[in-house]
Amino acid sequence: MFTGNRATHAGGGSGGGAGALSLWEVALMLFGVAAILVIRRRPANA
């Protein structure tokens, strides 16, 4: 995906500390949770 300057800035995730998550990591986490919810809801509604 987007592996550029942000990849080195985010590092291994715990580079800046658990409380200093970058916007990129938070966005990926929210996107993953939303995708899981959508995938779970589709079969249930259908």
C-alpha atoms as a PDB file:
ATOM      1  CA  MET A   1       0.000   0.000   0.000  1.00  0.00           C
ATOM      2  CA  PHE A   2       1.388   3.416   0.877  1.00  0.00           C
ATOM      3  CA  THR A   3       4.889   2.588   2.087  1.00  0.00           C
ATOM      4  CA  GLY A   4       6.830   5.832   1.826  1.00  0.00           C
ATOM      5  CA  ASN A   5       7.957   8.460   4.319  1.00  0.00           C
ATOM      6  CA  ARG A   6       5.085   7.563   6.635  1.00  0.00           C
ATOM      7  CA  ALA A   7       6.354   4.002   6.921  1.00  0.00           C
ATOM      8  CA  THR A   8       9.609   5.175   8.472  1.00  0.00           C
ATOM      9  CA  HIS A   9       7.753   7.738  10.587  1.00  0.00           C
ATOM     10  CA  ALA A  10       5.374   5.152  12.019  1.00  0.00           C
ATOM     11  CA  GLY A  11       8.156   2.619  12.462  1.00  0.00           C
ATOM     12  CA  GLY A  12       7.156  -0.572  14.259  1.00  0.00           C
ATOM     13  CA  GLY A  13       4.099   1.057  15.776  1.00  0.00           C
ATOM     14  CA  SER A  14       5.578   1.441  19.257  1.00  0.00           C
ATOM     15  CA  GLY A  15       8.370   3.766  18.159  1.00  0.00           C
ATOM     16  CA  GLY A  16       6.755   6.949  19.453  1.00  0.00           C
ATOM     17  CA  GLY A  17       4.957   5.223  22.291  1.00  0.00           C
ATOM     18  CA  ALA A  18       1.541   3.616  22.701  1.00  0.00           C
ATOM     19  CA  GLY A  19      -0.103   6.967  23.436  1.00  0.00           C
ATOM     20  CA  ALA A  20       1.449   8.673  20.412  1.00  0.00           C
ATOM     21  CA  LEU A  21      -0.149   6.764  17.579  1.00  0.00           C
ATOM     22  CA  SER A  22       0.141   8.497  14.240  1.00  0.00           C
ATOM     23  CA  LEU A  23      -2.955   9.491  12.263  1.00  0.00           C
ATOM     24  CA  TRP A  24      -1.990   6.935   9.621  1.00  0.00           C
ATOM     25  CA  GLU A  25      -2.071   4.049  12.125  1.00  0.00           C
ATOM     26  CA  VAL A  26      -5.381   5.217  13.617  1.00  0.00           C
ATOM     27  CA  ALA A  27      -6.892   5.561  10.128  1.00  0.00           C
ATOM     28  CA  LEU A  28      -5.792   2.045   9.180  1.00  0.00           C
ATOM     29  CA  MET A  29      -7.205   0.634  12.408  1.00  0.00           C
ATOM     30  CA  LEU A  30     -10.569   2.371  11.944  1.00  0.00           C
ATOM     31  CA  PHE A  31     -10.705   1.288   8.298  1.00  0.00           C
ATOM     32  CA  GLY A  32     -10.016  -2.320   9.270  1.00  0.00           C
ATOM     33  CA  VAL A  33     -12.715  -2.314  11.962  1.00  0.00           C
ATOM     34  CA  ALA A  34     -15.227  -0.722   9.584  1.00  0.00           C
ATOM     35  CA  ALA A  35     -14.416  -3.301   6.897  1.00  0.00           C
ATOM     36  CA  ILE A  36     -14.935  -6.156   9.363  1.00  0.00           C
ATOM     37  CA  LEU A  37     -18.281  -4.719  10.468  1.00  0.00           C
ATOM     38  CA  VAL A  38     -19.455  -4.303   6.857  1.00  0.00           C
ATOM     39  CA  ILE A  39     -18.382  -7.833   5.933  1.00  0.00           C
ATOM     40  CA  ARG A  40     -20.169  -9.237   8.986  1.00  0.00           C
ATOM     41  CA  ARG A  41     -23.372  -7.294   8.344  1.00  0.00           C
ATOM     42  CA  ARG A  42     -23.698  -8.233   4.671  1.00  0.00           C
ATOM     43  CA  PRO A  43     -24.244 -11.997   5.137  1.00  0.00           C
ATOM     44  CA  ALA A  44     -26.532 -11.365   8.114  1.00  0.00           C
ATOM     45  CA  ASN A  45     -28.788  -8.956   6.212  1.00  0.00           C
ATOM     46  CA  ALA A  46     -28.756 -11.077   3.059  1.00  0.00           C
END
